[in-house]
Amino acid sequence: VIERIGMDDAIVTIKYGADVQGERLIGHL
């Protein structure tokens, strides 16, 4: 998903790799 289109702080998130649909991904942005 790309959120806040039209702004200077749009947020892009792309999940990929094995078991994408069921993945619980972690990290800090």
Full PDB file with SEQRES, HELIX, SHEET, SSBOND, CRYST1, ORIGX, SCALE, CONECT and MASTER records, all heavy atoms in Angstrom:
SEQRES   1 A   29  VAL ILE GLU ARG ILE GLY MET ASP ASP ALA ILE VAL THR          
SEQRES   2 A   29  ILE LYS TYR GLY ALA ASP VAL GLN GLY GLU ARG LEU ILE          
SEQRES   3 A   29  GLY HIS LEU                                                  
HELIX    1 AA1 VAL A   20  GLY A   22  5                                   3    
SHEET    1 AA1 2 ILE A   2  GLU A   3  0                                        
SHEET    2 AA1 2 ILE A  11  VAL A  12 -1                                        
CRYST1    1.000    1.000    1.000  90.00  90.00  90.00 P 1           1          
ORIGX1      1.000000  0.000000  0.000000        0.00000                         
ORIGX2      0.000000  1.000000  0.000000        0.00000                         
ORIGX3      0.000000  0.000000  1.000000        0.00000                         
SCALE1      1.000000  0.000000  0.000000        0.00000                         
SCALE2      0.000000  1.000000  0.000000        0.00000                         
SCALE3      0.000000  0.000000  1.000000        0.00000                         
ATOM      1  N   VAL A   1       0.845  -1.181   0.000  1.00  0.00           N  
ATOM      2  CA  VAL A   1       0.000   0.000   0.000  1.00  0.00           C  
ATOM      3  C   VAL A   1       0.887   1.239   0.000  1.00  0.00           C  
ATOM      4  O   VAL A   1       1.968   1.243   0.606  1.00  0.00           O  
ATOM      5  CB  VAL A   1      -0.952   0.003   1.224  1.00  0.00           C  
ATOM      6  CG1 VAL A   1      -0.169  -0.008   2.527  1.00  0.00           C  
ATOM      7  CG2 VAL A   1      -1.910   1.189   1.180  1.00  0.00           C  
ATOM      8  N   ILE A   2       0.442   2.252  -0.717  1.00  0.00           N  
ATOM      9  CA  ILE A   2       1.062   3.566  -0.646  1.00  0.00           C  
ATOM     10  C   ILE A   2       0.001   4.509  -0.097  1.00  0.00           C  
ATOM     11  O   ILE A   2      -1.061   4.681  -0.695  1.00  0.00           O  
ATOM     12  CB  ILE A   2       1.562   4.038  -2.025  1.00  0.00           C  
ATOM     13  CG1 ILE A   2       2.585   3.046  -2.580  1.00  0.00           C  
ATOM     14  CG2 ILE A   2       2.186   5.436  -1.918  1.00  0.00           C  
ATOM     15  CD1 ILE A   2       3.107   3.399  -3.959  1.00  0.00           C  
ATOM     16  N   GLU A   3       0.279   5.100   1.046  1.00  0.00           N  
ATOM     17  CA  GLU A   3      -0.676   5.977   1.719  1.00  0.00           C  
ATOM     18  C   GLU A   3      -0.205   7.421   1.677  1.00  0.00           C  
ATOM     19  O   GLU A   3       0.966   7.699   1.476  1.00  0.00           O  
ATOM     20  CB  GLU A   3      -0.848   5.536   3.175  1.00  0.00           C  
ATOM     21  CG  GLU A   3      -1.288   4.087   3.333  1.00  0.00           C  
ATOM     22  CD  GLU A   3      -1.208   3.617   4.764  1.00  0.00           C  
ATOM     23  OE1 GLU A   3      -0.138   3.149   5.181  1.00  0.00           O  
ATOM     24  OE2 GLU A   3      -2.229   3.715   5.472  1.00  0.00           O  
ATOM     25  N   ARG A   4      -1.136   8.331   1.871  1.00  0.00           N  
ATOM     26  CA  ARG A   4      -0.845   9.770   1.931  1.00  0.00           C  
ATOM     27  C   ARG A   4      -0.263  10.289   0.614  1.00  0.00           C  
ATOM     28  O   ARG A   4       0.636  11.130   0.593  1.00  0.00           O  
ATOM     29  CB  ARG A   4       0.089  10.076   3.107  1.00  0.00           C  
ATOM     30  CG  ARG A   4      -0.511   9.739   4.458  1.00  0.00           C  
ATOM     31  CD  ARG A   4       0.504   9.846   5.580  1.00  0.00           C  
ATOM     32  NE  ARG A   4       0.969  11.219   5.745  1.00  0.00           N  
ATOM     33  CZ  ARG A   4       0.354  12.154   6.472  1.00  0.00           C  
ATOM     34  NH1 ARG A   4      -0.777  11.859   7.077  1.00  0.00           N  
ATOM     35  NH2 ARG A   4       0.854  13.361   6.586  1.00  0.00           N  
ATOM     36  N   ILE A   5      -0.790   9.774  -0.504  1.00  0.00           N  
ATOM     37  CA  ILE A   5      -0.371  10.268  -1.819  1.00  0.00           C  
ATOM     38  C   ILE A   5      -0.749  11.745  -1.928  1.00  0.00           C  
ATOM     39  O   ILE A   5      -1.842  12.159  -1.545  1.00  0.00           O  
ATOM     40  CB  ILE A   5      -1.047   9.452  -2.941  1.00  0.00           C  
ATOM     41  CG1 ILE A   5      -0.528   8.007  -2.915  1.00  0.00           C  
ATOM     42  CG2 ILE A   5      -0.778  10.076  -4.317  1.00  0.00           C  
ATOM     43  CD1 ILE A   5      -1.259   7.072  -3.865  1.00  0.00           C  
ATOM     44  N   GLY A   6       0.159  12.542  -2.465  1.00  0.00           N  
ATOM     45  CA  GLY A   6      -0.048  13.977  -2.578  1.00  0.00           C  
ATOM     46  C   GLY A   6       0.616  14.758  -1.460  1.00  0.00           C  
ATOM     47  O   GLY A   6       0.526  15.985  -1.413  1.00  0.00           O  
ATOM     48  N   MET A   7       1.315  14.035  -0.561  1.00  0.00           N  
ATOM     49  CA  MET A   7       1.962  14.688   0.581  1.00  0.00           C  
ATOM     50  C   MET A   7       3.456  14.387   0.586  1.00  0.00           C  
ATOM     51  O   MET A   7       3.935  13.482  -0.108  1.00  0.00           O  
ATOM     52  CB  MET A   7       1.308  14.245   1.886  1.00  0.00           C  
ATOM     53  CG  MET A   7      -0.203  14.494   1.902  1.00  0.00           C  
ATOM     54  SD  MET A   7      -0.981  14.152   3.490  1.00  0.00           S  
ATOM     55  CE  MET A   7      -0.440  15.580   4.417  1.00  0.00           C  
ATOM     56  N   ASP A   8       4.191  15.136   1.388  1.00  0.00           N  
ATOM     57  CA  ASP A   8       5.642  14.967   1.471  1.00  0.00           C  
ATOM     58  C   ASP A   8       6.055  13.774   2.320  1.00  0.00           C  
ATOM     59  O   ASP A   8       7.225  13.395   2.321  1.00  0.00           O  
ATOM     60  CB  ASP A   8       6.289  16.230   2.038  1.00  0.00           C  
ATOM     61  CG  ASP A   8       6.203  17.417   1.086  1.00  0.00           C  
ATOM     62  OD1 ASP A   8       6.066  17.172  -0.139  1.00  0.00           O  
ATOM     63  OD2 ASP A   8       6.252  18.566   1.555  1.00  0.00           O  
ATOM     64  N   ASP A   9       5.098  13.196   3.061  1.00  0.00           N  
ATOM     65  CA  ASP A   9       5.429  12.065   3.921  1.00  0.00           C  
ATOM     66  C   ASP A   9       4.556  10.848   3.579  1.00  0.00           C  
ATOM     67  O   ASP A   9       3.984  10.199   4.459  1.00  0.00           O  
ATOM     68  CB  ASP A   9       5.294  12.425   5.392  1.00  0.00           C  
ATOM     69  CG  ASP A   9       3.891  12.932   5.744  1.00  0.00           C  
ATOM     70  OD1 ASP A   9       3.099  13.203   4.812  1.00  0.00           O  
ATOM     71  OD2 ASP A   9       3.588  13.062   6.947  1.00  0.00           O  
ATOM     72  N   ALA A  10       4.462  10.561   2.279  1.00  0.00           N  
ATOM     73  CA  ALA A  10       3.737   9.369   1.850  1.00  0.00           C  
ATOM     74  C   ALA A  10       4.439   8.127   2.401  1.00  0.00           C  
ATOM     75  O   ALA A  10       5.664   8.079   2.507  1.00  0.00           O  
ATOM     76  CB  ALA A  10       3.672   9.309   0.329  1.00  0.00           C  
ATOM     77  N   ILE A  11       3.646   7.126   2.765  1.00  0.00           N  
ATOM     78  CA  ILE A  11       4.179   5.905   3.381  1.00  0.00           C  
ATOM     79  C   ILE A  11       4.023   4.745   2.416  1.00  0.00           C  
ATOM     80  O   ILE A  11       2.921   4.459   1.941  1.00  0.00           O  
ATOM     81  CB  ILE A  11       3.442   5.587   4.696  1.00  0.00           C  
ATOM     82  CG1 ILE A  11       3.559   6.765   5.671  1.00  0.00           C  
ATOM     83  CG2 ILE A  11       3.989   4.311   5.327  1.00  0.00           C  
ATOM     84  CD1 ILE A  11       2.661   6.635   6.886  1.00  0.00           C  
ATOM     85  N   VAL A  12       5.120   4.078   2.115  1.00  0.00           N  
ATOM     86  CA  VAL A  12       5.126   2.937   1.195  1.00  0.00           C  
ATOM     87  C   VAL A  12       5.443   1.668   1.984  1.00  0.00           C  
ATOM     88  O   VAL A  12       6.417   1.623   2.734  1.00  0.00           O  
ATOM     89  CB  VAL A  12       6.180   3.113   0.085  1.00  0.00           C  
ATOM     90  CG1 VAL A  12       6.145   1.921  -0.877  1.00  0.00           C  
ATOM     91  CG2 VAL A  12       5.969   4.425  -0.664  1.00  0.00           C  
ATOM     92  N   THR A  13       4.608   0.648   1.824  1.00  0.00           N  
ATOM     93  CA  THR A  13       4.852  -0.648   2.453  1.00  0.00           C  
ATOM     94  C   THR A  13       4.646  -1.735   1.406  1.00  0.00           C  
ATOM     95  O   THR A  13       3.600  -1.774   0.751  1.00  0.00           O  
ATOM     96  CB  THR A  13       3.889  -0.901   3.628  1.00  0.00           C  
ATOM     97  OG1 THR A  13       3.966   0.187   4.554  1.00  0.00           O  
ATOM     98  CG2 THR A  13       4.229  -2.199   4.342  1.00  0.00           C  
ATOM     99  N   ILE A  14       5.628  -2.605   1.239  1.00  0.00           N  
ATOM    100  CA  ILE A  14       5.521  -3.730   0.313  1.00  0.00           C  
ATOM    101  C   ILE A  14       5.949  -4.991   1.055  1.00  0.00           C  
ATOM    102  O   ILE A  14       7.063  -5.064   1.581  1.00  0.00           O  
ATOM    103  CB  ILE A  14       6.403  -3.540  -0.937  1.00  0.00           C  
ATOM    104  CG1 ILE A  14       5.985  -2.275  -1.708  1.00  0.00           C  
ATOM    105  CG2 ILE A  14       6.304  -4.769  -1.852  1.00  0.00           C  
ATOM    106  CD1 ILE A  14       6.902  -1.946  -2.879  1.00  0.00           C  
ATOM    107  N   LYS A  15       5.078  -5.976   1.121  1.00  0.00           N  
ATOM    108  CA  LYS A  15       5.398  -7.267   1.725  1.00  0.00           C  
ATOM    109  C   LYS A  15       5.607  -8.282   0.599  1.00  0.00           C  
ATOM    110  O   LYS A  15       4.827  -8.332  -0.343  1.00  0.00           O  
ATOM    111  CB  LYS A  15       4.264  -7.738   2.637  1.00  0.00           C  
ATOM    112  CG  LYS A  15       3.961  -6.795   3.793  1.00  0.00           C  
ATOM    113  CD  LYS A  15       2.785  -7.308   4.609  1.00  0.00           C  
ATOM    114  CE  LYS A  15       2.418  -6.335   5.721  1.00  0.00           C  
ATOM    115  NZ  LYS A  15       1.262  -6.809   6.517  1.00  0.00           N  
ATOM    116  N   TYR A  16       6.652  -9.100   0.735  1.00  0.00           N  
ATOM    117  CA  TYR A  16       6.936 -10.083  -0.302  1.00  0.00           C  
ATOM    118  C   TYR A  16       7.727 -11.237   0.297  1.00  0.00           C  
ATOM    119  O   TYR A  16       8.146 -11.181   1.458  1.00  0.00           O  
ATOM    120  CB  TYR A  16       7.711  -9.446  -1.454  1.00  0.00           C  
ATOM    121  CG  TYR A  16       9.078  -8.899  -1.091  1.00  0.00           C  
ATOM    122  CD1 TYR A  16      10.236  -9.564  -1.463  1.00  0.00           C  
ATOM    123  CD2 TYR A  16       9.204  -7.710  -0.372  1.00  0.00           C  
ATOM    124  CE1 TYR A  16      11.487  -9.062  -1.137  1.00  0.00           C  
ATOM    125  CE2 TYR A  16      10.449  -7.198  -0.042  1.00  0.00           C  
ATOM    126  CZ  TYR A  16      11.594  -7.882  -0.422  1.00  0.00           C  
ATOM    127  OH  TYR A  16      12.821  -7.379  -0.096  1.00  0.00           O  
ATOM    128  N   GLY A  17       7.895 -12.283  -0.494  1.00  0.00           N  
ATOM    129  CA  GLY A  17       8.587 -13.459   0.014  1.00  0.00           C  
ATOM    130  C   GLY A  17       7.610 -14.559   0.352  1.00  0.00           C  
ATOM    131  O   GLY A  17       6.429 -14.517  -0.021  1.00  0.00           O  
ATOM    132  N   ALA A  18       8.074 -15.567   1.069  1.00  0.00           N  
ATOM    133  CA  ALA A  18       7.258 -16.745   1.360  1.00  0.00           C  
ATOM    134  C   ALA A  18       6.056 -16.402   2.220  1.00  0.00           C  
ATOM    135  O   ALA A  18       6.131 -15.587   3.138  1.00  0.00           O  
ATOM    136  CB  ALA A  18       8.112 -17.800   2.068  1.00  0.00           C  
ATOM    137  N   ASP A  19       4.934 -17.075   1.928  1.00  0.00           N  
ATOM    138  CA  ASP A  19       3.727 -16.950   2.753  1.00  0.00           C  
ATOM    139  C   ASP A  19       3.318 -15.496   2.983  1.00  0.00           C  
ATOM    140  O   ASP A  19       2.988 -15.091   4.099  1.00  0.00           O  
ATOM    141  CB  ASP A  19       3.916 -17.631   4.105  1.00  0.00           C  
ATOM    142  CG  ASP A  19       4.274 -19.101   3.951  1.00  0.00           C  
ATOM    143  OD1 ASP A  19       3.708 -19.739   3.055  1.00  0.00           O  
ATOM    144  OD2 ASP A  19       5.117 -19.593   4.713  1.00  0.00           O  
ATOM    145  N   VAL A  20       3.342 -14.706   1.912  1.00  0.00           N  
ATOM    146  CA  VAL A  20       3.058 -13.276   2.039  1.00  0.00           C  
ATOM    147  C   VAL A  20       1.739 -13.019   2.733  1.00  0.00           C  
ATOM    148  O   VAL A  20       1.634 -12.200   3.632  1.00  0.00           O  
ATOM    149  CB  VAL A  20       3.062 -12.606   0.644  1.00  0.00           C  
ATOM    150  CG1 VAL A  20       2.535 -11.188   0.743  1.00  0.00           C  
ATOM    151  CG2 VAL A  20       4.462 -12.608   0.074  1.00  0.00           C  
ATOM    152  N   GLN A  21       0.701 -13.749   2.316  1.00  0.00           N  
ATOM    153  CA  GLN A  21      -0.631 -13.426   2.798  1.00  0.00           C  
ATOM    154  C   GLN A  21      -0.780 -13.660   4.299  1.00  0.00           C  
ATOM    155  O   GLN A  21      -1.517 -12.962   4.967  1.00  0.00           O  
ATOM    156  CB  GLN A  21      -1.671 -14.253   2.047  1.00  0.00           C  
ATOM    157  CG  GLN A  21      -2.970 -13.517   1.868  1.00  0.00           C  
ATOM    158  CD  GLN A  21      -3.776 -14.085   0.722  1.00  0.00           C  
ATOM    159  OE1 GLN A  21      -3.376 -15.026   0.061  1.00  0.00           O  
ATOM    160  NE2 GLN A  21      -4.929 -13.515   0.471  1.00  0.00           N  
ATOM    161  N   GLY A  22      -0.046 -14.634   4.834  1.00  0.00           N  
ATOM    162  CA  GLY A  22      -0.202 -14.934   6.246  1.00  0.00           C  
ATOM    163  C   GLY A  22       0.914 -14.401   7.119  1.00  0.00           C  
ATOM    164  O   GLY A  22       0.949 -14.665   8.308  1.00  0.00           O  
ATOM    165  N   GLU A  23       1.828 -13.640   6.529  1.00  0.00           N  
ATOM    166  CA  GLU A  23       2.984 -13.186   7.285  1.00  0.00           C  
ATOM    167  C   GLU A  23       2.637 -12.110   8.314  1.00  0.00           C  
ATOM    168  O   GLU A  23       1.840 -11.225   8.054  1.00  0.00           O  
ATOM    169  CB  GLU A  23       4.035 -12.599   6.340  1.00  0.00           C  
ATOM    170  CG  GLU A  23       4.841 -13.653   5.592  1.00  0.00           C  
ATOM    171  CD  GLU A  23       5.730 -14.458   6.510  1.00  0.00           C  
ATOM    172  OE1 GLU A  23       6.439 -13.873   7.330  1.00  0.00           O  
ATOM    173  OE2 GLU A  23       5.698 -15.683   6.404  1.00  0.00           O  
ATOM    174  N   ARG A  24       3.264 -12.221   9.483  1.00  0.00           N  
ATOM    175  CA  ARG A  24       3.222 -11.128  10.457  1.00  0.00           C  
ATOM    176  C   ARG A  24       4.618 -10.528  10.473  1.00  0.00           C  
ATOM    177  O   ARG A  24       5.563 -11.120  10.994  1.00  0.00           O  
ATOM    178  CB  ARG A  24       2.836 -11.646  11.847  1.00  0.00           C  
ATOM    179  CG  ARG A  24       2.694 -10.520  12.860  1.00  0.00           C  
ATOM    180  CD  ARG A  24       2.172 -11.049  14.195  1.00  0.00           C  
ATOM    181  NE  ARG A  24       1.973  -9.945  15.125  1.00  0.00           N  
ATOM    182  CZ  ARG A  24       2.914  -9.489  15.935  1.00  0.00           C  
ATOM    183  NH1 ARG A  24       4.103 -10.025  15.908  1.00  0.00           N  
ATOM    184  NH2 ARG A  24       2.660  -8.483  16.750  1.00  0.00           N  
ATOM    185  N   LEU A  25       4.777  -9.377   9.862  1.00  0.00           N  
ATOM    186  CA  LEU A  25       6.089  -8.788   9.667  1.00  0.00           C  
ATOM    187  C   LEU A  25       6.391  -7.755  10.747  1.00  0.00           C  
ATOM    188  O   LEU A  25       5.487  -7.100  11.271  1.00  0.00           O  
ATOM    189  CB  LEU A  25       6.165  -8.160   8.280  1.00  0.00           C  
ATOM    190  CG  LEU A  25       6.021  -9.197   7.164  1.00  0.00           C  
ATOM    191  CD1 LEU A  25       5.208  -8.640   6.020  1.00  0.00           C  
ATOM    192  CD2 LEU A  25       7.380  -9.640   6.675  1.00  0.00           C  
ATOM    193  N   ILE A  26       7.677  -7.641  11.099  1.00  0.00           N  
ATOM    194  CA  ILE A  26       8.059  -6.743  12.187  1.00  0.00           C  
ATOM    195  C   ILE A  26       9.105  -5.750  11.712  1.00  0.00           C  
ATOM    196  O   ILE A  26       9.799  -5.965  10.735  1.00  0.00           O  
ATOM    197  CB  ILE A  26       8.612  -7.534  13.395  1.00  0.00           C  
ATOM    198  CG1 ILE A  26       9.835  -8.386  12.949  1.00  0.00           C  
ATOM    199  CG2 ILE A  26       7.544  -8.417  14.005  1.00  0.00           C  
ATOM    200  CD1 ILE A  26      10.532  -9.074  14.090  1.00  0.00           C  
ATOM    201  N   GLY A  27       9.213  -4.645  12.398  1.00  0.00           N  
ATOM    202  CA  GLY A  27      10.211  -3.643  12.038  1.00  0.00           C  
ATOM    203  C   GLY A  27       9.779  -2.285  12.548  1.00  0.00           C  
ATOM    204  O   GLY A  27       8.650  -2.091  12.994  1.00  0.00           O  
ATOM    205  N   HIS A  28      10.677  -1.328  12.475  1.00  0.00           N  
ATOM    206  CA  HIS A  28      10.370   0.025  12.934  1.00  0.00           C  
ATOM    207  C   HIS A  28      10.743   1.011  11.841  1.00  0.00           C  
ATOM    208  O   HIS A  28      11.808   0.907  11.251  1.00  0.00           O  
ATOM    209  CB  HIS A  28      11.153   0.346  14.206  1.00  0.00           C  
ATOM    210  CG  HIS A  28      10.855   1.701  14.751  1.00  0.00           C  
ATOM    211  ND1 HIS A  28       9.599   2.047  15.226  1.00  0.00           N  
ATOM    212  CD2 HIS A  28      11.627   2.806  14.875  1.00  0.00           C  
ATOM    213  CE1 HIS A  28       9.634   3.310  15.641  1.00  0.00           C  
ATOM    214  NE2 HIS A  28      10.846   3.792  15.434  1.00  0.00           N  
ATOM    215  N   LEU A  29       9.864   1.941  11.540  1.00  0.00           N  
ATOM    216  CA  LEU A  29      10.054   2.859  10.427  1.00  0.00           C  
ATOM    217  C   LEU A  29      10.251   4.276  10.927  1.00  0.00           C  
ATOM    218  O   LEU A  29       9.440   4.801  11.686  1.00  0.00           O  
ATOM    219  CB  LEU A  29       8.829   2.823   9.501  1.00  0.00           C  
ATOM    220  CG  LEU A  29       8.860   3.747   8.290  1.00  0.00           C  
ATOM    221  CD1 LEU A  29       9.981   3.355   7.348  1.00  0.00           C  
ATOM    222  CD2 LEU A  29       7.530   3.698   7.557  1.00  0.00           C  
TER     223      LEU A  29                                                      
MASTER        0    0    0    1    2    0    0    6  222    1    0    3          
END                                                                             
